[in-house]
Amino acid sequence: MKVLIANLGSTSLKWRLFDFSNGQERMLHKGGFERVEDYPKAIDGCLAQLKDAGHIRAETDLAAVGFKTIMARGVNGCVRLD
């Protein structure tokens, strides 16, 4: 099971891709972009890097995507936001 964790800052996008197969946690890839002005383009770039590295063939290879939020009013801990 592959899980992408993204951290969106005010001008950056950083990520790590983890594989949780066989009951183990293994980081497969990490990367990021600074001085982001177009987040949809940055997300496309992230997915392109994961594909180019051979970690995913398509977005559907991701079991989940988690986001690290720095500040969310009224939200504490690890929760599902939708």
PDB file of N, CA and C in Angstrom:
ATOM      1  N   MET A   1       0.848  -1.174   0.000  1.00  0.00           N
ATOM      2  CA  MET A   1       0.000   0.000   0.000  1.00  0.00           C
ATOM      3  C   MET A   1       0.892   1.235   0.000  1.00  0.00           C
ATOM      4  N   LYS A   2       0.714   2.093  -0.982  1.00  0.00           N
ATOM      5  CA  LYS A   2       1.523   3.308  -1.101  1.00  0.00           C
ATOM      6  C   LYS A   2       0.707   4.520  -0.664  1.00  0.00           C
ATOM      7  N   VAL A   3       1.329   5.327   0.196  1.00  0.00           N
ATOM      8  CA  VAL A   3       0.671   6.515   0.739  1.00  0.00           C
ATOM      9  C   VAL A   3       1.569   7.717   0.488  1.00  0.00           C
ATOM     10  N   LEU A   4       1.006   8.734  -0.128  1.00  0.00           N
ATOM     11  CA  LEU A   4       1.721   9.980  -0.387  1.00  0.00           C
ATOM     12  C   LEU A   4       1.356  10.982   0.695  1.00  0.00           C
ATOM     13  N   ILE A   5       2.365  11.533   1.352  1.00  0.00           N
ATOM     14  CA  ILE A   5       2.152  12.562   2.373  1.00  0.00           C
ATOM     15  C   ILE A   5       2.686  13.875   1.826  1.00  0.00           C
ATOM     16  N   ALA A   6       1.825  14.869   1.754  1.00  0.00           N
ATOM     17  CA  ALA A   6       2.195  16.173   1.190  1.00  0.00           C
ATOM     18  C   ALA A   6       2.147  17.249   2.262  1.00  0.00           C
ATOM     19  N   ASN A   7       3.063  18.191   2.158  1.00  0.00           N
ATOM     20  CA  ASN A   7       3.120  19.337   3.052  1.00  0.00           C
ATOM     21  C   ASN A   7       3.087  20.572   2.163  1.00  0.00           C
ATOM     22  N   LEU A   8       1.954  21.262   2.164  1.00  0.00           N
ATOM     23  CA  LEU A   8       1.799  22.468   1.367  1.00  0.00           C
ATOM     24  C   LEU A   8       2.039  23.676   2.244  1.00  0.00           C
ATOM     25  N   GLY A   9       3.070  24.423   1.918  1.00  0.00           N
ATOM     26  CA  GLY A   9       3.360  25.655   2.633  1.00  0.00           C
ATOM     27  C   GLY A   9       2.831  26.841   1.851  1.00  0.00           C
ATOM     28  N   SER A  10       3.106  28.019   2.334  1.00  0.00           N
ATOM     29  CA  SER A  10       2.608  29.213   1.650  1.00  0.00           C
ATOM     30  C   SER A  10       3.267  29.393   0.284  1.00  0.00           C
ATOM     31  N   THR A  11       4.483  28.893   0.118  1.00  0.00           N
ATOM     32  CA  THR A  11       5.159  28.995  -1.186  1.00  0.00           C
ATOM     33  C   THR A  11       5.931  27.723  -1.525  1.00  0.00           C
ATOM     34  N   SER A  12       5.554  26.600  -0.902  1.00  0.00           N
ATOM     35  CA  SER A  12       6.301  25.366  -1.167  1.00  0.00           C
ATOM     36  C   SER A  12       5.373  24.158  -1.175  1.00  0.00           C
ATOM     37  N   LEU A  13       5.866  23.098  -1.792  1.00  0.00           N
ATOM     38  CA  LEU A  13       5.210  21.794  -1.771  1.00  0.00           C
ATOM     39  C   LEU A  13       6.307  20.766  -1.536  1.00  0.00           C
ATOM     40  N   LYS A  14       6.168  20.013  -0.457  1.00  0.00           N
ATOM     41  CA  LYS A  14       7.126  18.953  -0.158  1.00  0.00           C
ATOM     42  C   LYS A  14       6.341  17.672   0.032  1.00  0.00           C
ATOM     43  N   TRP A  15       6.958  16.535  -0.285  1.00  0.00           N
ATOM     44  CA  TRP A  15       6.244  15.271  -0.164  1.00  0.00           C
ATOM     45  C   TRP A  15       7.187  14.132   0.139  1.00  0.00           C
ATOM     46  N   ARG A  16       6.567  13.064   0.640  1.00  0.00           N
ATOM     47  CA  ARG A  16       7.247  11.785   0.843  1.00  0.00           C
ATOM     48  C   ARG A  16       6.260  10.693   0.449  1.00  0.00           C
ATOM     49  N   LEU A  17       6.779   9.684  -0.216  1.00  0.00           N
ATOM     50  CA  LEU A  17       5.966   8.533  -0.601  1.00  0.00           C
ATOM     51  C   LEU A  17       6.416   7.343   0.233  1.00  0.00           C
ATOM     52  N   PHE A  18       5.460   6.720   0.923  1.00  0.00           N
ATOM     53  CA  PHE A  18       5.749   5.566   1.771  1.00  0.00           C
ATOM     54  C   PHE A  18       5.068   4.320   1.210  1.00  0.00           C
ATOM     55  N   ASP A  19       5.703   3.184   1.429  1.00  0.00           N
ATOM     56  CA  ASP A  19       5.128   1.893   1.098  1.00  0.00           C
ATOM     57  C   ASP A  19       4.945   1.141   2.415  1.00  0.00           C
ATOM     58  N   PHE A  20       3.729   0.695   2.678  1.00  0.00           N
ATOM     59  CA  PHE A  20       3.410  -0.010   3.906  1.00  0.00           C
ATOM     60  C   PHE A  20       3.128  -1.487   3.652  1.00  0.00           C
ATOM     61  N   SER A  21       3.697  -2.046   2.593  1.00  0.00           N
ATOM     62  CA  SER A  21       3.507  -3.456   2.277  1.00  0.00           C
ATOM     63  C   SER A  21       4.177  -4.338   3.312  1.00  0.00           C
ATOM     64  N   ASN A  22       3.635  -5.525   3.490  1.00  0.00           N
ATOM     65  CA  ASN A  22       4.216  -6.541   4.372  1.00  0.00           C
ATOM     66  C   ASN A  22       4.385  -6.070   5.808  1.00  0.00           C
ATOM     67  N   GLY A  23       3.530  -5.157   6.249  1.00  0.00           N
ATOM     68  CA  GLY A  23       3.577  -4.708   7.627  1.00  0.00           C
ATOM     69  C   GLY A  23       4.768  -3.838   7.979  1.00  0.00           C
ATOM     70  N   GLN A  24       5.484  -3.352   6.967  1.00  0.00           N
ATOM     71  CA  GLN A  24       6.644  -2.502   7.214  1.00  0.00           C
ATOM     72  C   GLN A  24       6.445  -1.139   6.569  1.00  0.00           C
ATOM     73  N   GLU A  25       7.057  -0.125   7.173  1.00  0.00           N
ATOM     74  CA  GLU A  25       7.036   1.231   6.617  1.00  0.00           C
ATOM     75  C   GLU A  25       8.371   1.483   5.929  1.00  0.00           C
ATOM     76  N   ARG A  26       8.280   1.837   4.650  1.00  0.00           N
ATOM     77  CA  ARG A  26       9.505   2.119   3.894  1.00  0.00           C
ATOM     78  C   ARG A  26       9.286   3.382   3.067  1.00  0.00           C
ATOM     79  N   MET A  27      10.180   4.361   3.224  1.00  0.00           N
ATOM     80  CA  MET A  27      10.073   5.570   2.423  1.00  0.00           C
ATOM     81  C   MET A  27      10.673   5.282   1.049  1.00  0.00           C
ATOM     82  N   LEU A  28       9.878   5.529   0.003  1.00  0.00           N
ATOM     83  CA  LEU A  28      10.319   5.272  -1.354  1.00  0.00           C
ATOM     84  C   LEU A  28      10.902   6.506  -2.033  1.00  0.00           C
ATOM     85  N   HIS A  29      10.368   7.667  -1.694  1.00  0.00           N
ATOM     86  CA  HIS A  29      10.759   8.870  -2.432  1.00  0.00           C
ATOM     87  C   HIS A  29      10.445  10.097  -1.599  1.00  0.00           C
ATOM     88  N   LYS A  30      11.260  11.119  -1.722  1.00  0.00           N
ATOM     89  CA  LYS A  30      10.924  12.411  -1.131  1.00  0.00           C
ATOM     90  C   LYS A  30      11.373  13.493  -2.093  1.00  0.00           C
ATOM     91  N   GLY A  31      10.657  14.582  -2.068  1.00  0.00           N
ATOM     92  CA  GLY A  31      11.008  15.678  -2.959  1.00  0.00           C
ATOM     93  C   GLY A  31      10.255  16.929  -2.581  1.00  0.00           C
ATOM     94  N   GLY A  32      10.425  17.942  -3.392  1.00  0.00           N
ATOM     95  CA  GLY A  32       9.736  19.185  -3.114  1.00  0.00           C
ATOM     96  C   GLY A  32      10.069  20.282  -4.093  1.00  0.00           C
ATOM     97  N   PHE A  33       9.254  21.303  -4.044  1.00  0.00           N
ATOM     98  CA  PHE A  33       9.436  22.503  -4.856  1.00  0.00           C
ATOM     99  C   PHE A  33       9.345  23.716  -3.947  1.00  0.00           C
ATOM    100  N   GLU A  34      10.203  24.675  -4.171  1.00  0.00           N
ATOM    101  CA  GLU A  34      10.164  25.949  -3.445  1.00  0.00           C
ATOM    102  C   GLU A  34       9.647  27.031  -4.393  1.00  0.00           C
ATOM    103  N   ARG A  35       9.216  28.133  -3.824  1.00  0.00           N
ATOM    104  CA  ARG A  35       8.718  29.278  -4.588  1.00  0.00           C
ATOM    105  C   ARG A  35       7.594  28.883  -5.556  1.00  0.00           C
ATOM    106  N   VAL A  36       6.651  28.094  -5.035  1.00  0.00           N
ATOM    107  CA  VAL A  36       5.524  27.627  -5.837  1.00  0.00           C
ATOM    108  C   VAL A  36       4.540  28.772  -6.035  1.00  0.00           C
ATOM    109  N   GLU A  37       4.160  28.981  -7.266  1.00  0.00           N
ATOM    110  CA  GLU A  37       3.140  29.980  -7.593  1.00  0.00           C
ATOM    111  C   GLU A  37       1.885  29.325  -8.149  1.00  0.00           C
ATOM    112  N   ASP A  38       2.017  28.114  -8.682  1.00  0.00           N
ATOM    113  CA  ASP A  38       0.905  27.406  -9.302  1.00  0.00           C
ATOM    114  C   ASP A  38       0.849  25.994  -8.699  1.00  0.00           C
ATOM    115  N   TYR A  39      -0.007  25.803  -7.686  1.00  0.00           N
ATOM    116  CA  TYR A  39      -0.047  24.519  -6.982  1.00  0.00           C
ATOM    117  C   TYR A  39      -0.523  23.363  -7.852  1.00  0.00           C
ATOM    118  N   PRO A  40      -1.518  23.533  -8.728  1.00  0.00           N
ATOM    119  CA  PRO A  40      -1.870  22.403  -9.610  1.00  0.00           C
ATOM    120  C   PRO A  40      -0.683  21.947 -10.472  1.00  0.00           C
ATOM    121  N   LYS A  41       0.106  22.878 -10.948  1.00  0.00           N
ATOM    122  CA  LYS A  41       1.289  22.526 -11.740  1.00  0.00           C
ATOM    123  C   LYS A  41       2.332  21.817 -10.861  1.00  0.00           C
ATOM    124  N   ALA A  42       2.492  22.266  -9.622  1.00  0.00           N
ATOM    125  CA  ALA A  42       3.443  21.636  -8.705  1.00  0.00           C
ATOM    126  C   ALA A  42       3.007  20.208  -8.368  1.00  0.00           C
ATOM    127  N   ILE A  43       1.703  19.996  -8.177  1.00  0.00           N
ATOM    128  CA  ILE A  43       1.191  18.652  -7.897  1.00  0.00           C
ATOM    129  C   ILE A  43       1.428  17.747  -9.101  1.00  0.00           C
ATOM    130  N   ASP A  44       1.189  18.263 -10.303  1.00  0.00           N
ATOM    131  CA  ASP A  44       1.492  17.496 -11.518  1.00  0.00           C
ATOM    132  C   ASP A  44       2.974  17.142 -11.576  1.00  0.00           C
ATOM    133  N   GLY A  45       3.835  18.069 -11.171  1.00  0.00           N
ATOM    134  CA  GLY A  45       5.267  17.818 -11.155  1.00  0.00           C
ATOM    135  C   GLY A  45       5.642  16.745 -10.146  1.00  0.00           C
ATOM    136  N   CYS A  46       5.009  16.750  -8.996  1.00  0.00           N
ATOM    137  CA  CYS A  46       5.231  15.726  -7.978  1.00  0.00           C
ATOM    138  C   CYS A  46       4.872  14.352  -8.528  1.00  0.00           C
ATOM    139  N   LEU A  47       3.690  14.232  -9.109  1.00  0.00           N
ATOM    140  CA  LEU A  47       3.252  12.951  -9.659  1.00  0.00           C
ATOM    141  C   LEU A  47       4.153  12.503 -10.802  1.00  0.00           C
ATOM    142  N   ALA A  48       4.616  13.445 -11.608  1.00  0.00           N
ATOM    143  CA  ALA A  48       5.531  13.110 -12.703  1.00  0.00           C
ATOM    144  C   ALA A  48       6.837  12.545 -12.163  1.00  0.00           C
ATOM    145  N   GLN A  49       7.359  13.128 -11.087  1.00  0.00           N
ATOM    146  CA  GLN A  49       8.592  12.610 -10.490  1.00  0.00           C
ATOM    147  C   GLN A  49       8.397  11.198  -9.965  1.00  0.00           C
ATOM    148  N   LEU A  50       7.252  10.944  -9.329  1.00  0.00           N
ATOM    149  CA  LEU A  50       6.984   9.604  -8.800  1.00  0.00           C
ATOM    150  C   LEU A  50       6.867   8.583  -9.928  1.00  0.00           C
ATOM    151  N   LYS A  51       6.270   8.994 -11.034  1.00  0.00           N
ATOM    152  CA  LYS A  51       6.155   8.104 -12.197  1.00  0.00           C
ATOM    153  C   LYS A  51       7.512   7.887 -12.847  1.00  0.00           C
ATOM    154  N   ASP A  52       8.268   8.966 -13.023  1.00  0.00           N
ATOM    155  CA  ASP A  52       9.600   8.852 -13.643  1.00  0.00           C
ATOM    156  C   ASP A  52      10.530   7.957 -12.836  1.00  0.00           C
ATOM    157  N   ALA A  53      10.385   7.978 -11.519  1.00  0.00           N
ATOM    158  CA  ALA A  53      11.223   7.155 -10.645  1.00  0.00           C
ATOM    159  C   ALA A  53      10.743   5.703 -10.604  1.00  0.00           C
ATOM    160  N   GLY A  54       9.584   5.435 -11.209  1.00  0.00           N
ATOM    161  CA  GLY A  54       9.062   4.074 -11.252  1.00  0.00           C
ATOM    162  C   GLY A  54       8.318   3.646 -10.002  1.00  0.00           C
ATOM    163  N   HIS A  55       7.978   4.600  -9.126  1.00  0.00           N
ATOM    164  CA  HIS A  55       7.281   4.251  -7.886  1.00  0.00           C
ATOM    165  C   HIS A  55       5.778   4.083  -8.094  1.00  0.00           C
ATOM    166  N   ILE A  56       5.209   4.806  -9.071  1.00  0.00           N
ATOM    167  CA  ILE A  56       3.805   4.635  -9.429  1.00  0.00           C
ATOM    168  C   ILE A  56       3.687   4.680 -10.947  1.00  0.00           C
ATOM    169  N   ARG A  57       2.653   4.017 -11.460  1.00  0.00           N
ATOM    170  CA  ARG A  57       2.355   4.107 -12.893  1.00  0.00           C
ATOM    171  C   ARG A  57       1.262   5.136 -13.142  1.00  0.00           C
ATOM    172  N   ALA A  58       0.366   5.245 -12.162  1.00  0.00           N
ATOM    173  CA  ALA A  58      -0.762   6.176 -12.261  1.00  0.00           C
ATOM    174  C   ALA A  58      -1.156   6.599 -10.852  1.00  0.00           C
ATOM    175  N   GLU A  59      -1.952   7.646 -10.767  1.00  0.00           N
ATOM    176  CA  GLU A  59      -2.406   8.140  -9.474  1.00  0.00           C
ATOM    177  C   GLU A  59      -3.180   7.076  -8.717  1.00  0.00           C
ATOM    178  N   THR A  60      -3.817   6.164  -9.434  1.00  0.00           N
ATOM    179  CA  THR A  60      -4.605   5.108  -8.798  1.00  0.00           C
ATOM    180  C   THR A  60      -3.736   4.105  -8.040  1.00  0.00           C
ATOM    181  N   ASP A  61      -2.418   4.151  -8.226  1.00  0.00           N
ATOM    182  CA  ASP A  61      -1.514   3.293  -7.450  1.00  0.00           C
ATOM    183  C   ASP A  61      -1.384   3.762  -6.008  1.00  0.00           C
ATOM    184  N   LEU A  62      -1.848   4.971  -5.718  1.00  0.00           N
ATOM    185  CA  LEU A  62      -1.793   5.512  -4.358  1.00  0.00           C
ATOM    186  C   LEU A  62      -3.029   5.056  -3.582  1.00  0.00           C
ATOM    187  N   ALA A  63      -2.794   4.434  -2.436  1.00  0.00           N
ATOM    188  CA  ALA A  63      -3.910   4.000  -1.591  1.00  0.00           C
ATOM    189  C   ALA A  63      -4.539   5.186  -0.863  1.00  0.00           C
ATOM    190  N   ALA A  64      -3.709   6.196  -0.575  1.00  0.00           N
ATOM    191  CA  ALA A  64      -4.193   7.370   0.148  1.00  0.00           C
ATOM    192  C   ALA A  64      -3.216   8.520  -0.037  1.00  0.00           C
ATOM    193  N   VAL A  65      -3.740   9.719   0.175  1.00  0.00           N
ATOM    194  CA  VAL A  65      -2.910  10.922   0.183  1.00  0.00           C
ATOM    195  C   VAL A  65      -3.219  11.645   1.486  1.00  0.00           C
ATOM    196  N   GLY A  66      -2.171  11.907   2.249  1.00  0.00           N
ATOM    197  CA  GLY A  66      -2.329  12.634   3.501  1.00  0.00           C
ATOM    198  C   GLY A  66      -1.698  14.003   3.380  1.00  0.00           C
ATOM    199  N   PHE A  67      -2.244  14.967   4.076  1.00  0.00           N
ATOM    200  CA  PHE A  67      -1.715  16.327   4.043  1.00  0.00           C
ATOM    201  C   PHE A  67      -1.322  16.754   5.443  1.00  0.00           C
ATOM    202  N   LYS A  68      -0.139  17.296   5.549  1.00  0.00           N
ATOM    203  CA  LYS A  68       0.309  17.867   6.806  1.00  0.00           C
ATOM    204  C   LYS A  68      -0.145  19.324   6.812  1.00  0.00           C
ATOM    205  N   THR A  69      -1.000  19.641   7.746  1.00  0.00           N
ATOM    206  CA  THR A  69      -1.445  21.029   7.866  1.00  0.00           C
ATOM    207  C   THR A  69      -0.721  21.670   9.034  1.00  0.00           C
ATOM    208  N   ILE A  70      -0.306  22.868   8.831  1.00  0.00           N
ATOM    209  CA  ILE A  70       0.404  23.579   9.891  1.00  0.00           C
ATOM    210  C   ILE A  70      -0.588  24.268  10.808  1.00  0.00           C
ATOM    211  N   MET A  71      -1.636  24.822  10.229  1.00  0.00           N
ATOM    212  CA  MET A  71      -2.617  25.522  11.031  1.00  0.00           C
ATOM    213  C   MET A  71      -4.001  25.308  10.431  1.00  0.00           C
ATOM    214  N   ALA A  72      -4.891  24.784  11.221  1.00  0.00           N
ATOM    215  CA  ALA A  72      -6.286  24.633  10.809  1.00  0.00           C
ATOM    216  C   ALA A  72      -7.145  24.976  12.022  1.00  0.00           C
ATOM    217  N   ARG A  73      -7.840  26.065  11.952  1.00  0.00           N
ATOM    218  CA  ARG A  73      -8.614  26.562  13.089  1.00  0.00           C
ATOM    219  C   ARG A  73      -9.608  25.502  13.579  1.00  0.00           C
ATOM    220  N   GLY A  74      -9.531  25.183  14.851  1.00  0.00           N
ATOM    221  CA  GLY A  74     -10.462  24.255  15.467  1.00  0.00           C
ATOM    222  C   GLY A  74     -10.164  22.786  15.226  1.00  0.00           C
ATOM    223  N   VAL A  75      -9.034  22.473  14.588  1.00  0.00           N
ATOM    224  CA  VAL A  75      -8.693  21.088  14.302  1.00  0.00           C
ATOM    225  C   VAL A  75      -7.387  20.752  15.015  1.00  0.00           C
ATOM    226  N   ASN A  76      -7.411  19.662  15.789  1.00  0.00           N
ATOM    227  CA  ASN A  76      -6.218  19.227  16.511  1.00  0.00           C
ATOM    228  C   ASN A  76      -5.973  17.744  16.250  1.00  0.00           C
ATOM    229  N   GLY A  77      -4.718  17.353  16.283  1.00  0.00           N
ATOM    230  CA  GLY A  77      -4.375  15.953  16.155  1.00  0.00           C
ATOM    231  C   GLY A  77      -4.438  15.481  14.718  1.00  0.00           C
ATOM    232  N   CYS A  78      -4.521  14.189  14.556  1.00  0.00           N
ATOM    233  CA  CYS A  78      -4.569  13.573  13.230  1.00  0.00           C
ATOM    234  C   CYS A  78      -6.025  13.232  12.936  1.00  0.00           C
ATOM    235  N   VAL A  79      -6.610  13.923  11.986  1.00  0.00           N
ATOM    236  CA  VAL A  79      -8.023  13.736  11.661  1.00  0.00           C
ATOM    237  C   VAL A  79      -8.218  13.715  10.161  1.00  0.00           C
ATOM    238  N   ARG A  80      -9.320  13.139   9.734  1.00  0.00           N
ATOM    239  CA  ARG A  80      -9.669  13.127   8.311  1.00  0.00           C
ATOM    240  C   ARG A  80     -10.436  14.410   8.000  1.00  0.00           C
ATOM    241  N   LEU A  81      -9.931  15.141   7.021  1.00  0.00           N
ATOM    242  CA  LEU A  81     -10.605  16.362   6.567  1.00  0.00           C
ATOM    243  C   LEU A  81     -11.093  16.113   5.148  1.00  0.00           C
ATOM    244  N   ASP A  82     -12.346  16.361   4.902  1.00  0.00           N
ATOM    245  CA  ASP A  82     -12.856  16.211   3.526  1.00  0.00           C
ATOM    246  C   ASP A  82     -13.861  17.283   3.194  1.00  0.00           C
TER     247      ASP A  82
END
